[in-house]
Amino acid sequence: MMTKISAYIMPLVILIIVGYGMYKKSDNYDNFVNGAEDGMRTVVSIAPTLIGLMVAVGVLRASGFLDFIAELLSGVCGKLGIPASIVPLIIVRLFSSSAATGLSLDIFKQYGTDSYTGLITSILMGCTETVFYTMSVYYMAARIKKTRWTLAGALIATAAGIAASVILARYC
């Protein structure tokens, strides 16, 4: 039943939007074109930031620096119940979701999806955010210069997500 309902949700939403525009006597097509134009301007303006982040993550991953950091922090992480193999994922997740997904797949291949490490990886990917990517893209698009407490709050939320991942994986 849910499959049949889900097949009609998007056409229904489009119909509601078009119907509302007609009710308000608005030019739907011009509004759509203007919105698409604004979207393309945003894509062009954030492209250098996206490319820079992707290159930086690729360099970190290829250089072995993430593995070095994992070894360096393995003692502290071990006491917290975080496997050393998760440390690169935590770092990369702050910058890039796609690179973190690649690392997750590597972890799943090496340790398995139902292992302690695999469970932490799965939960971590679901309850953390790409903090620096999100901040740079959205603040650049909105032209916000002063981020105030956003970074601190986002890092605290990420730490809470990491802690939740470890605790939940331990008791699954």
Foldseek 3Di string as FASTA:
>chain_A
DVVVVVVCPVVVVVVVVVVVCVVVVHDVVVVVVVVVVLVVVLCVQCVVVVVVLVVVLVCCVVVCVQVVVLVVCQVVCVVLQQHSLCSSLLVNQLRDLVVSVVSLVVCCVVPNCLDLNNQLSVQLSVQAHNNVNVCSSVCSSVVPDDPDCSSVVNVVSSVVSSSCSSVVSVVD
